[in-house]
């Protein structure tokens, strides 16, 4: 066996679709939000603020505009 073959990592097979018994539960956003601890809510607000700021900031040059 070559050295390359010994260092090969195989990835697991792709996950299948979610079965009907594992379907997501529908929860109103307000109810979901109140389930998070206060510190997690603050972290999420920070993340959402950064994402929104990136999306709302116009691109600085042509290369960014093409993306």
PDB file of N, CA and C in Angstrom:
ATOM      1  N   UNK A   1       0.833  -1.174   0.000  1.00  0.00           N
ATOM      2  CA  UNK A   1       0.000   0.000   0.000  1.00  0.00           C
ATOM      3  C   UNK A   1       0.888   1.251   0.000  1.00  0.00           C
ATOM      4  N   UNK A   2       0.545   2.275  -0.796  1.00  0.00           N
ATOM      5  CA  UNK A   2       1.360   3.490  -0.845  1.00  0.00           C
ATOM      6  C   UNK A   2       1.075   4.369   0.363  1.00  0.00           C
ATOM      7  N   UNK A   3       1.942   5.354   0.567  1.00  0.00           N
ATOM      8  CA  UNK A   3       1.755   6.271   1.698  1.00  0.00           C
ATOM      9  C   UNK A   3       0.468   7.076   1.558  1.00  0.00           C
ATOM     10  N   UNK A   4       0.118   7.462   0.338  1.00  0.00           N
ATOM     11  CA  UNK A   4      -1.102   8.238   0.138  1.00  0.00           C
ATOM     12  C   UNK A   4      -2.340   7.447   0.559  1.00  0.00           C
ATOM     13  N   UNK A   5      -2.358   6.169   0.230  1.00  0.00           N
ATOM     14  CA  UNK A   5      -3.526   5.345   0.525  1.00  0.00           C
ATOM     15  C   UNK A   5      -3.748   5.207   2.030  1.00  0.00           C
ATOM     16  N   UNK A   6      -2.696   5.257   2.825  1.00  0.00           N
ATOM     17  CA  UNK A   6      -2.844   5.125   4.272  1.00  0.00           C
ATOM     18  C   UNK A   6      -3.454   6.379   4.893  1.00  0.00           C
ATOM     19  N   UNK A   7      -3.324   7.517   4.233  1.00  0.00           N
ATOM     20  CA  UNK A   7      -3.816   8.772   4.791  1.00  0.00           C
ATOM     21  C   UNK A   7      -5.171   9.186   4.233  1.00  0.00           C
ATOM     22  N   UNK A   8      -5.837   8.303   3.534  1.00  0.00           N
ATOM     23  CA  UNK A   8      -7.122   8.629   2.929  1.00  0.00           C
ATOM     24  C   UNK A   8      -8.219   8.496   3.970  1.00  0.00           C
ATOM     25  N   UNK A   9      -9.067   9.524   4.059  1.00  0.00           N
ATOM     26  CA  UNK A   9     -10.206   9.489   4.963  1.00  0.00           C
ATOM     27  C   UNK A   9     -11.473   9.436   4.123  1.00  0.00           C
ATOM     28  N   UNK A  10     -12.304   8.502   4.435  1.00  0.00           N
ATOM     29  CA  UNK A  10     -13.560   8.416   3.705  1.00  0.00           C
ATOM     30  C   UNK A  10     -14.639   9.143   4.498  1.00  0.00           C
ATOM     31  N   UNK A  11     -15.515   9.826   3.798  1.00  0.00           N
ATOM     32  CA  UNK A  11     -16.599  10.519   4.480  1.00  0.00           C
ATOM     33  C   UNK A  11     -17.808   9.604   4.565  1.00  0.00           C
ATOM     34  N   UNK A  12     -18.658   9.835   5.553  1.00  0.00           N
ATOM     35  CA  UNK A  12     -19.850   8.986   5.666  1.00  0.00           C
ATOM     36  C   UNK A  12     -20.786   9.243   4.489  1.00  0.00           C
ATOM     37  N   UNK A  13     -21.654   8.297   4.201  1.00  0.00           N
ATOM     38  CA  UNK A  13     -22.587   8.498   3.083  1.00  0.00           C
ATOM     39  C   UNK A  13     -23.528   9.670   3.379  1.00  0.00           C
ATOM     40  N   UNK A  14     -24.075  10.304   2.348  1.00  0.00           N
ATOM     41  CA  UNK A  14     -24.980  11.435   2.585  1.00  0.00           C
ATOM     42  C   UNK A  14     -26.205  10.989   3.365  1.00  0.00           C
ATOM     43  N   UNK A  15     -26.726  11.926   4.168  1.00  0.00           N
ATOM     44  CA  UNK A  15     -27.918  11.612   4.954  1.00  0.00           C
ATOM     45  C   UNK A  15     -29.136  11.579   4.053  1.00  0.00           C
ATOM     46  N   UNK A  16     -30.027  10.684   4.352  1.00  0.00           N
ATOM     47  CA  UNK A  16     -31.264  10.571   3.595  1.00  0.00           C
ATOM     48  C   UNK A  16     -32.253  11.643   4.017  1.00  0.00           C
ATOM     49  N   UNK A  17     -33.405  11.679   3.356  1.00  0.00           N
ATOM     50  CA  UNK A  17     -34.421  12.674   3.721  1.00  0.00           C
ATOM     51  C   UNK A  17     -34.996  12.380   5.106  1.00  0.00           C
ATOM     52  N   UNK A  18     -35.522  13.411   5.740  1.00  0.00           N
ATOM     53  CA  UNK A  18     -36.123  13.258   7.057  1.00  0.00           C
ATOM     54  C   UNK A  18     -37.411  12.461   6.920  1.00  0.00           C
ATOM     55  N   UNK A  19     -37.545  11.430   7.722  1.00  0.00           N
ATOM     56  CA  UNK A  19     -38.750  10.598   7.678  1.00  0.00           C
ATOM     57  C   UNK A  19     -39.915  11.369   8.293  1.00  0.00           C
ATOM     58  N   UNK A  20     -41.121  10.959   7.966  1.00  0.00           N
ATOM     59  CA  UNK A  20     -42.320  11.632   8.467  1.00  0.00           C
ATOM     60  C   UNK A  20     -42.357  11.653   9.990  1.00  0.00           C
ATOM     61  N   UNK A  21     -41.807  10.623  10.641  1.00  0.00           N
ATOM     62  CA  UNK A  21     -41.811  10.582  12.109  1.00  0.00           C
ATOM     63  C   UNK A  21     -40.828  11.587  12.697  1.00  0.00           C
ATOM     64  N   UNK A  22     -39.883  12.069  11.881  1.00  0.00           N
ATOM     65  CA  UNK A  22     -38.889  13.028  12.350  1.00  0.00           C
ATOM     66  C   UNK A  22     -39.149  14.427  11.816  1.00  0.00           C
ATOM     67  N   UNK A  23     -40.329  14.683  11.299  1.00  0.00           N
ATOM     68  CA  UNK A  23     -40.626  15.974  10.702  1.00  0.00           C
ATOM     69  C   UNK A  23     -40.494  17.080  11.749  1.00  0.00           C
ATOM     70  N   UNK A  24     -40.132  18.253  11.283  1.00  0.00           N
ATOM     71  CA  UNK A  24     -39.954  19.395  12.172  1.00  0.00           C
ATOM     72  C   UNK A  24     -41.287  19.827  12.761  1.00  0.00           C
ATOM     73  N   UNK A  25     -41.235  20.273  14.000  1.00  0.00           N
ATOM     74  CA  UNK A  25     -42.428  20.760  14.674  1.00  0.00           C
ATOM     75  C   UNK A  25     -42.585  22.247  14.355  1.00  0.00           C
ATOM     76  N   UNK A  26     -43.773  22.674  14.034  1.00  0.00           N
ATOM     77  CA  UNK A  26     -44.041  24.076  13.736  1.00  0.00           C
ATOM     78  C   UNK A  26     -44.302  24.799  15.049  1.00  0.00           C
ATOM     79  N   UNK A  27     -43.487  25.835  15.303  1.00  0.00           N
ATOM     80  CA  UNK A  27     -43.605  26.615  16.528  1.00  0.00           C
ATOM     81  C   UNK A  27     -43.604  28.086  16.139  1.00  0.00           C
ATOM     82  N   UNK A  28     -44.531  28.884  16.660  1.00  0.00           N
ATOM     83  CA  UNK A  28     -44.495  30.322  16.366  1.00  0.00           C
ATOM     84  C   UNK A  28     -43.153  30.916  16.803  1.00  0.00           C
ATOM     85  N   UNK A  29     -42.638  31.855  16.020  1.00  0.00           N
ATOM     86  CA  UNK A  29     -41.324  32.434  16.287  1.00  0.00           C
ATOM     87  C   UNK A  29     -41.236  33.021  17.691  1.00  0.00           C
ATOM     88  N   UNK A  30     -42.262  33.710  18.121  1.00  0.00           N
ATOM     89  CA  UNK A  30     -42.234  34.314  19.457  1.00  0.00           C
ATOM     90  C   UNK A  30     -42.077  33.245  20.542  1.00  0.00           C
ATOM     91  N   UNK A  31     -42.795  32.134  20.378  1.00  0.00           N
ATOM     92  CA  UNK A  31     -42.695  31.051  21.352  1.00  0.00           C
ATOM     93  C   UNK A  31     -41.306  30.419  21.311  1.00  0.00           C
ATOM     94  N   UNK A  32     -40.753  30.242  20.122  1.00  0.00           N
ATOM     95  CA  UNK A  32     -39.412  29.682  19.988  1.00  0.00           C
ATOM     96  C   UNK A  32     -38.391  30.605  20.629  1.00  0.00           C
ATOM     97  N   UNK A  33     -38.509  31.893  20.371  1.00  0.00           N
ATOM     98  CA  UNK A  33     -37.569  32.874  20.898  1.00  0.00           C
ATOM     99  C   UNK A  33     -37.543  32.841  22.423  1.00  0.00           C
ATOM    100  N   UNK A  34     -38.702  32.699  23.053  1.00  0.00           N
ATOM    101  CA  UNK A  34     -38.758  32.717  24.516  1.00  0.00           C
ATOM    102  C   UNK A  34     -38.159  31.455  25.124  1.00  0.00           C
ATOM    103  N   UNK A  35     -37.961  30.422  24.341  1.00  0.00           N
ATOM    104  CA  UNK A  35     -37.337  29.189  24.843  1.00  0.00           C
ATOM    105  C   UNK A  35     -35.825  29.342  25.008  1.00  0.00           C
ATOM    106  N   UNK A  36     -35.229  30.313  24.302  1.00  0.00           N
ATOM    107  CA  UNK A  36     -33.786  30.532  24.415  1.00  0.00           C
ATOM    108  C   UNK A  36     -33.481  31.271  25.716  1.00  0.00           C
ATOM    109  N   UNK A  37     -32.374  30.905  26.369  1.00  0.00           N
ATOM    110  CA  UNK A  37     -31.948  31.690  27.539  1.00  0.00           C
ATOM    111  C   UNK A  37     -31.550  33.103  27.090  1.00  0.00           C
ATOM    112  N   UNK A  38     -31.609  34.033  28.005  1.00  0.00           N
ATOM    113  CA  UNK A  38     -31.328  35.448  27.706  1.00  0.00           C
ATOM    114  C   UNK A  38     -29.960  35.632  27.036  1.00  0.00           C
ATOM    115  N   UNK A  39     -28.932  34.926  27.508  1.00  0.00           N
ATOM    116  CA  UNK A  39     -27.597  35.084  26.915  1.00  0.00           C
ATOM    117  C   UNK A  39     -27.580  34.609  25.465  1.00  0.00           C
ATOM    118  N   UNK A  40     -28.284  33.523  25.170  1.00  0.00           N
ATOM    119  CA  UNK A  40     -28.352  33.009  23.793  1.00  0.00           C
ATOM    120  C   UNK A  40     -29.112  33.977  22.896  1.00  0.00           C
ATOM    121  N   UNK A  41     -30.157  34.600  23.435  1.00  0.00           N
ATOM    122  CA  UNK A  41     -30.901  35.601  22.668  1.00  0.00           C
ATOM    123  C   UNK A  41     -29.978  36.754  22.268  1.00  0.00           C
ATOM    124  N   UNK A  42     -29.151  37.206  23.210  1.00  0.00           N
ATOM    125  CA  UNK A  42     -28.232  38.312  22.922  1.00  0.00           C
ATOM    126  C   UNK A  42     -27.203  37.910  21.867  1.00  0.00           C
ATOM    127  N   UNK A  43     -26.702  36.674  21.941  1.00  0.00           N
ATOM    128  CA  UNK A  43     -25.751  36.188  20.933  1.00  0.00           C
ATOM    129  C   UNK A  43     -26.403  36.178  19.549  1.00  0.00           C
ATOM    130  N   UNK A  44     -27.626  35.671  19.483  1.00  0.00           N
ATOM    131  CA  UNK A  44     -28.327  35.587  18.204  1.00  0.00           C
ATOM    132  C   UNK A  44     -28.622  36.970  17.633  1.00  0.00           C
ATOM    133  N   UNK A  45     -28.997  37.900  18.481  1.00  0.00           N
ATOM    134  CA  UNK A  45     -29.247  39.273  18.018  1.00  0.00           C
ATOM    135  C   UNK A  45     -27.963  39.859  17.437  1.00  0.00           C
ATOM    136  N   UNK A  46     -26.832  39.610  18.095  1.00  0.00           N
ATOM    137  CA  UNK A  46     -25.546  40.078  17.573  1.00  0.00           C
ATOM    138  C   UNK A  46     -25.231  39.481  16.217  1.00  0.00           C
ATOM    139  N   UNK A  47     -25.456  38.168  16.066  1.00  0.00           N
ATOM    140  CA  UNK A  47     -25.195  37.498  14.787  1.00  0.00           C
ATOM    141  C   UNK A  47     -26.110  38.042  13.697  1.00  0.00           C
ATOM    142  N   UNK A  48     -27.389  38.199  14.010  1.00  0.00           N
ATOM    143  CA  UNK A  48     -28.337  38.722  13.019  1.00  0.00           C
ATOM    144  C   UNK A  48     -27.990  40.152  12.621  1.00  0.00           C
ATOM    145  N   UNK A  49     -27.551  40.942  13.588  1.00  0.00           N
ATOM    146  CA  UNK A  49     -27.158  42.326  13.298  1.00  0.00           C
ATOM    147  C   UNK A  49     -25.977  42.360  12.335  1.00  0.00           C
ATOM    148  N   UNK A  50     -24.974  41.488  12.561  1.00  0.00           N
ATOM    149  CA  UNK A  50     -23.809  41.439  11.663  1.00  0.00           C
ATOM    150  C   UNK A  50     -24.216  41.001  10.262  1.00  0.00           C
ATOM    151  N   UNK A  51     -25.075  39.995  10.171  1.00  0.00           N
ATOM    152  CA  UNK A  51     -25.516  39.509   8.857  1.00  0.00           C
ATOM    153  C   UNK A  51     -26.272  40.611   8.119  1.00  0.00           C
ATOM    154  N   UNK A  52     -27.183  41.270   8.807  1.00  0.00           N
ATOM    155  CA  UNK A  52     -27.961  42.338   8.175  1.00  0.00           C
ATOM    156  C   UNK A  52     -27.052  43.495   7.738  1.00  0.00           C
ATOM    157  N   UNK A  53     -26.077  43.852   8.556  1.00  0.00           N
ATOM    158  CA  UNK A  53     -25.163  44.932   8.201  1.00  0.00           C
ATOM    159  C   UNK A  53     -24.365  44.574   6.950  1.00  0.00           C
ATOM    160  N   UNK A  54     -23.932  43.316   6.843  1.00  0.00           N
ATOM    161  CA  UNK A  54     -23.194  42.880   5.656  1.00  0.00           C
ATOM    162  C   UNK A  54     -24.077  42.931   4.424  1.00  0.00           C
ATOM    163  N   UNK A  55     -25.322  42.519   4.561  1.00  0.00           N
ATOM    164  CA  UNK A  55     -26.240  42.492   3.418  1.00  0.00           C
ATOM    165  C   UNK A  55     -26.639  43.894   2.974  1.00  0.00           C
ATOM    166  N   UNK A  56     -26.748  44.814   3.916  1.00  0.00           N
ATOM    167  CA  UNK A  56     -27.209  46.158   3.589  1.00  0.00           C
ATOM    168  C   UNK A  56     -26.082  47.089   3.158  1.00  0.00           C
ATOM    169  N   UNK A  57     -24.842  46.713   3.421  1.00  0.00           N
ATOM    170  CA  UNK A  57     -23.704  47.535   3.029  1.00  0.00           C
ATOM    171  C   UNK A  57     -23.445  47.342   1.547  1.00  0.00           C
ATOM    172  N   UNK A  58     -23.421  48.442   0.762  1.00  0.00           N
ATOM    173  CA  UNK A  58     -23.155  48.290  -0.669  1.00  0.00           C
ATOM    174  C   UNK A  58     -21.720  47.822  -0.900  1.00  0.00           C
ATOM    175  N   UNK A  59     -21.482  47.042  -1.953  1.00  0.00           N
ATOM    176  CA  UNK A  59     -20.124  46.566  -2.249  1.00  0.00           C
ATOM    177  C   UNK A  59     -19.189  47.745  -2.544  1.00  0.00           C
ATOM    178  N   UNK A  60     -17.910  47.579  -2.151  1.00  0.00           N
ATOM    179  CA  UNK A  60     -16.930  48.662  -2.309  1.00  0.00           C
ATOM    180  C   UNK A  60     -16.323  48.727  -3.694  1.00  0.00           C
ATOM    181  N   UNK A  61     -16.189  47.591  -4.353  1.00  0.00           N
ATOM    182  CA  UNK A  61     -15.567  47.606  -5.673  1.00  0.00           C
ATOM    183  C   UNK A  61     -16.282  46.649  -6.619  1.00  0.00           C
ATOM    184  N   UNK A  62     -15.866  46.646  -7.859  1.00  0.00           N
ATOM    185  CA  UNK A  62     -16.529  45.847  -8.884  1.00  0.00           C
ATOM    186  C   UNK A  62     -16.442  44.355  -8.596  1.00  0.00           C
ATOM    187  N   UNK A  63     -15.311  43.886  -8.037  1.00  0.00           N
ATOM    188  CA  UNK A  63     -15.153  42.460  -7.767  1.00  0.00           C
ATOM    189  C   UNK A  63     -16.216  41.988  -6.782  1.00  0.00           C
ATOM    190  N   UNK A  64     -16.451  42.751  -5.709  1.00  0.00           N
ATOM    191  CA  UNK A  64     -17.483  42.374  -4.751  1.00  0.00           C
ATOM    192  C   UNK A  64     -18.875  42.469  -5.374  1.00  0.00           C
ATOM    193  N   UNK A  65     -19.081  43.428  -6.276  1.00  0.00           N
ATOM    194  CA  UNK A  65     -20.384  43.588  -6.905  1.00  0.00           C
ATOM    195  C   UNK A  65     -20.745  42.396  -7.778  1.00  0.00           C
ATOM    196  N   UNK A  66     -19.737  41.731  -8.358  1.00  0.00           N
ATOM    197  CA  UNK A  66     -19.978  40.587  -9.222  1.00  0.00           C
ATOM    198  C   UNK A  66     -20.363  39.346  -8.447  1.00  0.00           C
ATOM    199  N   UNK A  67     -20.088  39.303  -7.150  1.00  0.00           N
ATOM    200  CA  UNK A  67     -20.369  38.111  -6.349  1.00  0.00           C
ATOM    201  C   UNK A  67     -21.788  38.014  -6.004  1.00  0.00           C
TER     202      UNK A  67
END
